[in-house]
Amino acid sequence: GNLANREVSIRNWYDFTDLSHLRGSWELTVDGTIVERGALAPLALAPGQALTVQIPYTVPQTLPGQELHLTVRFHAKSATAFLPKDYEMAWDQFAVPAEIMAAPARPSASALPRLSGLTVHDGKRELVITGDQLELIIAKDSGRISAWRVAGRELLLAGPQLTAWRAPLDNDGIKAWDMVIKKADHKPVTKWMNAGLNALQRHCARVVPTVQPDGSVLIASELSAWGSDRSLPLGEIRRLMVHADGSLAFSHVFTVAKGLPDLPRLGVELEIPEGFEQLEFFGHGPHESYNDRLAGAAVGRYSTTVTDRYVPYIMPQEHGNIAGLRWLALRSAQGKHKGSGLLATADGMIEGKASHYSDQEQTKAFHTTDLKPSASTHLYLDVRQRGLGGASCGPDTLERYRVHSGQDYRLAYRLVPLAAGDDAGLMHRS
């Protein structure tokens, strides 16, 4: 099709059936929110025929960086012996070029109080930063945040820590005999076990705070992690900017030693307190998606729960990933803080997920009954996760979907406190 002219091409791939049994529709979204929708004229395309149709959408005013998508859908007009009425038979999605740029709009005022006057206490074991209603504590031996409280609400139990491991997939190798150290590494999981990626050791070389002219605080950290060979490390240079509004801006540069195998994932793991059950995100969905499993996952803004992201595979393994993740919000579902929460907003597109099951717990489990959900939420924000591949009974993950060693990677995101009523998408664009 030619989206510059609002045209899409539709082809009938049936061998014997025309398209008169389908009802076509379209929707236009801005940052995942539907702003316009309509119906397609009835199509009676014969098998093998194609037709170009014009979609009469209007390109709305957009802010710099906002994304427009056109999604065309086809549903069954009536029930059949094997499908219900209105079943979605096919869809496709297109990125729409924005035509009009407007000046950035500021988000509506948050109900959170404005914070100011940050104070830094650089102790022997802890770095403590406080404000009017902010408390941030970083353990200097690990470089990891041990507390982040804003306006009386606990937002983190544990801050970001480098991770290069995922709960092995059946395609990565069979737990019962492939997940064994020093065995011939014909499966990916055996290579990772031999490299010790499942049990990283860690070192924090420095955590240095610097007060900035605008009153914010920059915390520079240098960290490293290694598996079975300390001469093959995962290096990390971290910059954390603590702002007066209580938000945290992270930038990580990871250096992956050349002698390591390609990684199952590369990113950070955080732990969120109990109660942040409501999950909203902008990325590929609504179900799990991976960089080599995107054809059936449309870009959109989706609302769900952390509990519902769990996929009970018979052999517990990696699940629930979100590819093309722009932002993810976790909110309280009940109590006096109902509707409040935190937003993880990425610089660019990353991958990530939120789960009540850690990858470490899933790695040890051999049956779904071995798993018990934690009250807290494990939040993963990744540069990238290795594709799923088909190595259980086919080829391994293609090279372009792997996380290669011997190079540097950057991961940047903000953690922003949310008040009830804050629009996460608008906060992301602010």
Protein backbone atom coordinates (compact mmCIF):
# COMPACT_ATOMS: atom_id res chain seq x y z
CA GLY A 1 0.00 0.00 0.00
CA ASN A 2 0.85 3.70 -0.10
CA LEU A 3 0.22 5.27 3.29
CA ALA A 4 1.19 8.69 1.99
CA ASN A 5 -2.06 8.45 -0.01
CA ARG A 6 -3.89 6.56 2.78
CA GLU A 7 -3.99 3.43 0.62
CA VAL A 8 -3.62 -0.22 1.63
CA SER A 9 -3.60 -3.31 -0.56
CA ILE A 10 -5.86 -6.23 0.37
CA ARG A 11 -5.36 -9.70 -1.14
CA ASN A 12 -7.61 -12.75 -0.81
CA TRP A 13 -5.40 -15.75 0.01
CA TYR A 14 -8.31 -18.21 0.11
CA ASP A 15 -8.30 -20.87 -2.63
CA PHE A 16 -12.07 -21.26 -3.02
CA THR A 17 -13.83 -18.58 -0.94
CA ASP A 18 -14.44 -14.90 -1.59
CA LEU A 19 -14.35 -12.30 1.21
CA SER A 20 -18.07 -11.59 1.45
CA HIS A 21 -18.23 -13.42 4.82
CA LEU A 22 -15.91 -10.87 6.45
CA ARG A 23 -16.52 -7.42 7.93
CA GLY A 24 -13.59 -5.06 7.57
CA SER A 25 -12.74 -2.16 9.88
CA TRP A 26 -9.86 0.17 10.66
CA GLU A 27 -8.57 2.19 13.58
CA LEU A 28 -5.98 4.94 13.93
CA THR A 29 -4.03 5.24 17.17
CA VAL A 30 -1.72 7.86 18.67
CA ASP A 31 0.69 6.29 21.15
CA GLY A 32 -1.62 3.29 21.35
CA THR A 33 -4.84 5.24 22.02
CA ILE A 34 -7.56 5.03 19.37
CA VAL A 35 -8.35 8.49 17.97
CA GLU A 36 -10.39 7.51 14.89
CA ARG A 37 -12.05 4.38 13.53
CA GLY A 38 -14.30 3.34 10.68
CA ALA A 39 -15.69 0.50 8.57
CA LEU A 40 -14.43 -0.74 5.22
CA ALA A 41 -16.82 -1.07 2.33
CA PRO A 42 -17.99 -4.68 1.79
CA LEU A 43 -15.42 -6.72 -0.13
CA ALA A 44 -16.28 -9.63 -2.39
CA LEU A 45 -12.78 -10.31 -3.64
CA ALA A 46 -12.52 -13.61 -5.47
CA PRO A 47 -9.78 -16.09 -4.47
CA GLY A 48 -6.35 -14.76 -5.43
CA GLN A 49 -7.58 -11.27 -6.27
CA ALA A 50 -6.12 -8.07 -4.78
CA LEU A 51 -7.57 -4.60 -4.38
CA THR A 52 -6.22 -1.24 -3.25
CA VAL A 53 -8.56 0.66 -0.95
CA GLN A 54 -8.30 4.12 0.53
CA ILE A 55 -8.74 4.55 4.27
CA PRO A 56 -10.36 7.94 5.01
CA TYR A 57 -8.49 8.71 8.24
CA THR A 58 -7.36 12.18 9.23
CA VAL A 59 -3.81 12.59 10.50
CA PRO A 60 -4.18 14.39 13.85
CA GLN A 61 -1.87 16.95 15.39
CA THR A 62 0.96 15.12 17.10
CA LEU A 63 3.65 16.00 19.59
CA PRO A 64 7.29 15.35 18.70
CA GLY A 65 8.02 11.67 19.10
CA GLN A 66 4.40 10.49 19.17
CA GLU A 67 3.61 7.38 17.13
CA LEU A 68 0.71 6.84 14.76
CA HIS A 69 -0.45 3.38 13.73
CA LEU A 70 -3.19 2.26 11.35
CA THR A 71 -4.62 -1.20 12.07
CA VAL A 72 -6.96 -2.93 9.61
CA ARG A 73 -9.05 -5.83 10.95
CA PHE A 74 -11.42 -8.43 9.49
CA HIS A 75 -14.08 -10.20 11.59
CA ALA A 76 -16.53 -12.99 10.77
CA LYS A 77 -19.99 -11.60 9.96
CA SER A 78 -21.72 -14.68 11.33
CA ALA A 79 -20.95 -17.83 13.29
CA THR A 80 -19.69 -20.99 11.61
CA ALA A 81 -19.46 -24.58 12.78
CA PHE A 82 -16.05 -23.84 14.32
CA LEU A 83 -15.91 -20.06 14.94
CA PRO A 84 -18.20 -17.62 16.77
CA LYS A 85 -19.66 -14.48 15.23
CA ASP A 86 -17.27 -11.50 15.23
CA TYR A 87 -14.19 -13.72 15.52
CA GLU A 88 -11.13 -11.82 14.29
CA MET A 89 -9.92 -13.63 11.19
CA ALA A 90 -7.05 -11.35 10.16
CA TRP A 91 -5.38 -8.02 10.90
CA ASP A 92 -2.40 -5.98 9.84
CA GLN A 93 -0.78 -2.85 11.23
CA PHE A 94 1.11 0.02 9.62
CA ALA A 95 3.19 2.85 11.04
CA VAL A 96 1.73 6.12 9.74
CA PRO A 97 4.04 9.06 8.99
CA ALA A 98 3.11 12.10 11.09
CA GLU A 99 2.35 15.18 9.02
CA ILE A 100 1.85 17.90 11.64
CA MET A 101 4.07 18.64 14.60
CA ALA A 102 2.85 20.83 17.44
CA ALA A 103 4.69 22.33 20.37
CA PRO A 104 5.07 19.85 23.25
CA ALA A 105 2.24 19.93 25.75
CA ARG A 106 3.01 19.58 29.43
CA PRO A 107 1.19 16.80 31.28
CA SER A 108 -1.57 17.71 33.66
CA ALA A 109 -0.33 18.57 37.12
CA SER A 110 0.35 15.50 39.22
CA ALA A 111 -1.31 15.19 42.60
CA LEU A 112 2.12 14.35 44.03
CA PRO A 113 3.66 17.24 45.98
CA ARG A 114 6.54 19.07 44.35
CA LEU A 115 9.78 18.04 46.01
CA SER A 116 12.77 20.28 46.55
CA GLY A 117 15.89 20.77 48.64
CA LEU A 118 17.71 17.47 48.09
CA THR A 119 20.25 16.59 50.77
CA VAL A 120 23.08 14.09 50.33
CA HIS A 121 24.55 12.02 53.15
CA ASP A 122 27.51 9.98 51.87
CA GLY A 123 28.09 7.41 54.60
CA LYS A 124 30.47 4.49 54.83
CA ARG A 125 27.88 1.86 53.93
CA GLU A 126 24.99 3.83 52.48
CA LEU A 127 24.37 6.82 50.29
CA VAL A 128 21.19 8.56 51.44
CA ILE A 129 19.43 11.31 49.49
CA THR A 130 16.47 13.04 51.08
CA GLY A 131 14.06 15.79 50.09
CA ASP A 132 10.81 17.22 51.42
CA GLN A 133 9.06 13.87 50.86
CA LEU A 134 11.78 11.82 49.18
CA GLU A 135 14.09 9.19 50.63
CA LEU A 136 16.52 7.26 48.44
CA ILE A 137 19.00 4.79 49.91
CA ILE A 138 21.79 3.09 47.95
CA ALA A 139 23.92 0.31 49.41
CA LYS A 140 27.52 1.18 48.57
CA ASP A 141 28.77 -2.43 48.60
CA SER A 142 26.40 -3.37 45.75
CA GLY A 143 25.46 -0.03 44.18
CA ARG A 144 21.85 -1.17 44.37
CA ILE A 145 18.95 0.93 45.64
CA SER A 146 17.53 -0.52 48.85
CA ALA A 147 14.72 2.03 49.30
CA TRP A 148 12.91 4.65 47.21
CA ARG A 149 10.09 6.41 49.02
CA VAL A 150 8.07 9.33 47.66
CA ALA A 151 5.28 11.08 49.55
CA GLY A 152 5.15 8.29 52.10
CA ARG A 153 4.86 5.50 49.52
CA GLU A 154 7.43 2.72 49.18
CA LEU A 155 8.13 2.35 45.44
CA LEU A 156 11.13 0.00 45.37
CA LEU A 157 12.30 -2.89 47.51
CA ALA A 158 15.44 -3.30 45.42
CA GLY A 159 16.74 -1.13 42.60
CA PRO A 160 18.30 -2.18 39.31
CA GLN A 161 20.84 -4.98 39.18
CA LEU A 162 22.48 -6.28 36.02
CA THR A 163 21.09 -9.56 34.77
CA ALA A 164 22.11 -11.71 31.80
CA TRP A 165 20.03 -14.78 32.67
CA ARG A 166 16.52 -15.91 31.83
CA ALA A 167 14.59 -18.95 32.99
CA PRO A 168 15.59 -21.42 30.25
CA LEU A 169 13.11 -22.15 27.50
CA ASP A 170 12.49 -25.61 26.15
CA ASN A 171 14.13 -24.26 22.98
CA ASP A 172 17.22 -23.27 25.00
CA GLY A 173 17.70 -26.83 26.19
CA ILE A 174 16.08 -29.50 28.32
CA LYS A 175 16.55 -28.82 32.03
CA ALA A 176 16.93 -32.46 33.01
CA TRP A 177 20.12 -33.02 30.98
CA ASP A 178 21.17 -29.90 29.03
CA MET A 179 21.40 -27.59 32.07
CA VAL A 180 24.58 -29.23 33.32
CA ILE A 181 27.93 -27.49 33.75
CA LYS A 182 30.84 -28.71 31.56
CA LYS A 183 28.68 -30.94 29.41
CA ALA A 184 29.30 -30.66 25.66
CA ASP A 185 27.68 -27.33 24.86
CA HIS A 186 25.47 -28.34 21.95
CA LYS A 187 22.54 -26.43 23.46
CA PRO A 188 22.43 -22.72 24.34
CA VAL A 189 21.61 -23.32 28.02
CA THR A 190 24.70 -25.52 28.40
CA LYS A 191 26.91 -22.73 27.05
CA TRP A 192 25.34 -20.31 29.53
CA MET A 193 25.81 -22.72 32.43
CA ASN A 194 29.44 -23.31 31.46
CA ALA A 195 29.92 -19.53 31.44
CA GLY A 196 28.27 -19.27 34.87
CA LEU A 197 25.64 -16.77 33.74
CA ASN A 198 23.12 -18.37 36.10
CA ALA A 199 25.17 -17.46 39.20
CA LEU A 200 26.98 -14.18 38.62
CA GLN A 201 29.41 -12.82 41.18
CA ARG A 202 29.47 -9.05 41.56
CA HIS A 203 31.70 -6.17 42.51
CA CYS A 204 30.93 -2.48 43.00
CA ALA A 205 34.06 -0.34 42.54
CA ARG A 206 32.57 3.06 43.34
CA VAL A 207 29.39 5.04 44.03
CA VAL A 208 30.08 8.77 43.74
CA PRO A 209 27.39 11.49 44.22
CA THR A 210 27.67 14.99 42.78
CA VAL A 211 25.19 17.80 43.41
CA GLN A 212 24.28 19.54 40.14
CA PRO A 213 23.72 23.30 39.66
CA ASP A 214 19.94 22.78 39.37
CA GLY A 215 19.82 20.92 42.71
CA SER A 216 19.53 17.43 41.25
CA VAL A 217 22.05 14.78 42.27
CA LEU A 218 24.14 12.71 39.85
CA ILE A 219 25.31 9.33 41.14
CA ALA A 220 28.05 7.68 39.09
CA SER A 221 28.72 3.99 39.72
CA GLU A 222 31.15 1.47 38.30
CA LEU A 223 30.19 -2.18 38.63
CA SER A 224 31.12 -5.56 37.21
CA ALA A 225 29.78 -9.10 37.22
CA TRP A 226 31.29 -12.39 36.11
CA GLY A 227 30.44 -16.05 35.97
CA SER A 228 32.89 -18.94 35.89
CA ASP A 229 35.79 -16.81 34.57
CA ARG A 230 36.53 -13.45 36.18
CA SER A 231 38.63 -12.45 33.15
CA LEU A 232 35.40 -12.44 31.08
CA PRO A 233 33.28 -9.84 32.87
CA LEU A 234 30.08 -7.97 32.22
CA GLY A 235 31.11 -4.40 32.94
CA GLU A 236 28.66 -1.65 33.84
CA ILE A 237 28.98 2.12 34.02
CA ARG A 238 25.82 3.54 35.62
CA ARG A 239 24.66 7.13 35.85
CA LEU A 240 21.64 7.90 38.02
CA MET A 241 20.18 11.40 38.11
CA VAL A 242 17.92 12.03 41.11
CA HIS A 243 15.55 14.90 40.33
CA ALA A 244 13.74 17.23 42.70
CA ASP A 245 10.36 15.78 41.65
CA GLY A 246 11.39 12.40 43.03
CA SER A 247 12.00 10.78 39.63
CA LEU A 248 15.10 8.71 38.84
CA ALA A 249 16.80 8.79 35.43
CA PHE A 250 19.11 5.84 34.73
CA SER A 251 21.71 5.29 32.05
CA HIS A 252 23.61 2.00 31.93
CA VAL A 253 26.47 1.16 29.57
CA PHE A 254 27.19 -2.57 29.57
CA THR A 255 30.43 -3.97 28.20
CA VAL A 256 30.21 -7.67 27.34
CA ALA A 257 33.54 -9.51 27.15
CA LYS A 258 34.29 -11.06 23.77
CA GLY A 259 35.01 -14.54 25.12
CA LEU A 260 31.47 -15.00 26.47
CA PRO A 261 28.76 -16.81 24.49
CA ASP A 262 25.84 -14.82 23.18
CA LEU A 263 23.60 -13.99 26.15
CA PRO A 264 20.05 -15.08 27.02
CA ARG A 265 19.28 -11.44 27.91
CA LEU A 266 20.96 -8.23 28.95
CA GLY A 267 19.30 -5.74 31.23
CA VAL A 268 18.37 -5.07 34.84
CA GLU A 269 16.07 -6.60 37.44
CA LEU A 270 14.18 -4.56 40.06
CA GLU A 271 11.79 -5.59 42.83
CA ILE A 272 8.57 -3.64 43.40
CA PRO A 273 6.63 -3.83 46.69
CA GLU A 274 3.38 -5.70 47.17
CA GLY A 275 0.22 -3.98 45.96
CA PHE A 276 1.22 -2.70 42.51
CA GLU A 277 -0.97 -5.16 40.65
CA GLN A 278 -2.47 -3.06 37.85
CA LEU A 279 -0.25 -3.10 34.77
CA GLU A 280 -0.46 -0.83 31.73
CA PHE A 281 2.08 -0.69 28.90
CA PHE A 282 2.76 0.64 25.42
CA GLY A 283 4.45 -1.95 23.22
CA HIS A 284 3.71 -5.18 21.37
CA GLY A 285 0.77 -7.09 22.83
CA PRO A 286 -1.62 -7.92 24.26
CA HIS A 287 0.06 -11.31 24.80
CA GLU A 288 3.78 -12.02 25.29
CA SER A 289 6.10 -11.02 22.45
CA TYR A 290 9.75 -11.61 21.53
CA ASN A 291 12.00 -10.14 18.87
CA ASP A 292 11.45 -13.17 16.61
CA ARG A 293 7.76 -13.55 17.54
CA LEU A 294 6.19 -10.19 16.63
CA ALA A 295 3.95 -10.91 13.64
CA GLY A 296 0.95 -11.64 15.85
CA ALA A 297 1.47 -8.90 18.43
CA ALA A 298 0.24 -5.44 17.45
CA VAL A 299 1.73 -2.26 18.86
CA GLY A 300 -0.76 -0.74 21.28
CA ARG A 301 -1.56 0.55 24.73
CA TYR A 302 -2.74 -2.33 26.88
CA SER A 303 -4.16 -2.70 30.40
CA THR A 304 -3.91 -5.93 32.38
CA THR A 305 -2.60 -7.20 35.72
CA VAL A 306 0.76 -8.58 36.78
CA THR A 307 -0.94 -11.86 37.71
CA ASP A 308 -2.48 -12.23 34.24
CA ARG A 309 0.92 -11.90 32.53
CA TYR A 310 1.92 -15.32 33.88
CA VAL A 311 1.89 -18.11 31.29
CA PRO A 312 1.68 -21.55 32.97
CA TYR A 313 3.95 -23.53 30.67
CA ILE A 314 4.13 -27.13 31.85
CA MET A 315 7.88 -26.72 32.26
CA PRO A 316 8.26 -23.37 34.04
CA GLN A 317 10.28 -21.04 31.85
CA GLU A 318 10.68 -17.48 30.57
CA HIS A 319 7.32 -15.88 29.78
CA GLY A 320 5.41 -12.62 29.54
CA ASN A 321 8.02 -10.53 27.70
CA ILE A 322 7.03 -7.27 25.99
CA ALA A 323 9.02 -6.37 22.88
CA GLY A 324 9.12 -2.83 21.55
CA LEU A 325 8.40 -1.52 25.05
CA ARG A 326 8.08 2.27 25.24
CA TRP A 327 6.74 2.49 28.80
CA LEU A 328 5.26 0.36 31.56
CA ALA A 329 3.20 1.54 34.53
CA LEU A 330 2.43 -0.34 37.75
CA ARG A 331 -0.37 0.96 39.97
CA SER A 332 -2.02 0.12 43.26
CA ALA A 333 -5.40 -1.55 42.81
CA GLN A 334 -6.84 -0.82 46.24
CA GLY A 335 -6.32 0.87 49.60
CA LYS A 336 -5.66 4.50 50.43
CA HIS A 337 -3.03 4.72 47.66
CA LYS A 338 -5.36 3.29 44.98
CA GLY A 339 -4.35 4.47 41.52
CA SER A 340 -0.88 5.64 42.51
CA GLY A 341 2.23 3.85 41.36
CA LEU A 342 5.33 4.15 39.26
CA LEU A 343 6.17 4.51 35.59
CA ALA A 344 9.18 3.03 33.82
CA THR A 345 9.64 5.08 30.67
CA ALA A 346 12.33 4.12 28.15
CA ASP A 347 14.65 6.24 26.08
CA GLY A 348 13.78 4.60 22.77
CA MET A 349 12.43 1.06 22.62
CA ILE A 350 13.51 -1.69 25.00
CA GLU A 351 12.09 -5.02 26.18
CA GLY A 352 10.74 -5.88 29.59
CA LYS A 353 8.15 -7.54 31.77
CA ALA A 354 6.56 -7.59 35.21
CA SER A 355 5.95 -10.89 36.98
CA HIS A 356 5.27 -12.40 40.39
CA TYR A 357 7.80 -15.11 39.47
CA SER A 358 11.52 -14.40 39.35
CA ASP A 359 13.66 -16.02 36.69
CA GLN A 360 15.72 -17.65 39.44
CA GLU A 361 12.64 -19.37 40.90
CA GLN A 362 11.48 -20.53 37.48
CA THR A 363 14.92 -21.88 36.66
CA LYS A 364 14.79 -24.23 39.68
CA ALA A 365 11.20 -25.39 39.04
CA PHE A 366 10.33 -28.50 37.04
CA HIS A 367 6.53 -28.35 37.40
CA THR A 368 3.98 -25.56 37.65
CA THR A 369 3.20 -26.81 41.15
CA ASP A 370 6.78 -26.01 42.19
CA LEU A 371 6.10 -22.29 41.78
CA LYS A 372 4.51 -19.93 44.26
CA PRO A 373 3.87 -16.31 43.27
CA SER A 374 5.65 -13.70 45.35
CA ALA A 375 3.68 -10.81 46.79
CA SER A 376 6.20 -8.40 45.28
CA THR A 377 6.68 -7.82 41.56
CA HIS A 378 9.85 -8.59 39.63
CA LEU A 379 10.38 -5.91 36.99
CA TYR A 380 12.81 -6.62 34.15
CA LEU A 381 13.98 -3.87 31.80
CA ASP A 382 16.22 -5.18 29.03
CA VAL A 383 18.36 -3.85 26.24
CA ARG A 384 17.29 -7.01 24.53
CA GLN A 385 16.32 -10.60 25.17
CA ARG A 386 17.49 -13.43 22.93
CA GLY A 387 14.85 -14.60 20.47
CA LEU A 388 13.01 -17.85 21.09
CA GLY A 389 14.32 -19.77 18.10
CA GLY A 390 13.25 -23.37 17.49
CA ALA A 391 16.14 -25.45 18.78
CA SER A 392 13.92 -27.89 20.69
CA CYS A 393 13.32 -29.68 17.41
CA GLY A 394 14.65 -27.25 14.78
CA PRO A 395 17.23 -24.54 14.18
CA ASP A 396 18.64 -22.32 16.90
CA THR A 397 17.76 -18.62 17.17
CA LEU A 398 18.91 -16.69 14.09
CA GLU A 399 21.99 -14.52 14.53
CA ARG A 400 20.06 -11.26 14.14
CA TYR A 401 17.89 -12.11 17.15
CA ARG A 402 20.79 -12.82 19.56
CA VAL A 403 22.59 -10.71 22.17
CA HIS A 404 26.18 -10.91 20.96
CA SER A 405 29.26 -10.67 23.16
CA GLY A 406 32.29 -8.49 22.46
CA GLN A 407 30.42 -5.19 22.29
CA ASP A 408 28.86 -2.40 24.35
CA TYR A 409 25.14 -1.85 24.95
CA ARG A 410 23.24 1.12 26.38
CA LEU A 411 20.02 1.01 28.39
CA ALA A 412 18.34 4.27 29.48
CA TYR A 413 15.03 4.80 31.25
CA ARG A 414 13.31 6.88 33.94
CA LEU A 415 11.40 5.73 37.01
CA VAL A 416 8.66 8.26 37.75
CA PRO A 417 6.24 8.26 40.71
CA LEU A 418 2.60 8.34 39.60
CA ALA A 419 -0.31 9.87 41.46
CA ALA A 420 -3.88 8.68 40.98
CA GLY A 421 -5.18 10.31 37.81
CA ASP A 422 -1.80 10.76 36.14
CA ASP A 423 -1.86 9.62 32.49
CA ALA A 424 1.15 7.35 32.00
CA GLY A 425 1.36 8.00 28.25
CA LEU A 426 1.39 11.77 28.79
CA MET A 427 3.99 11.47 31.55
CA HIS A 428 6.14 9.41 29.17
CA ARG A 429 6.10 12.23 26.61
CA SER A 430 6.78 15.02 29.11
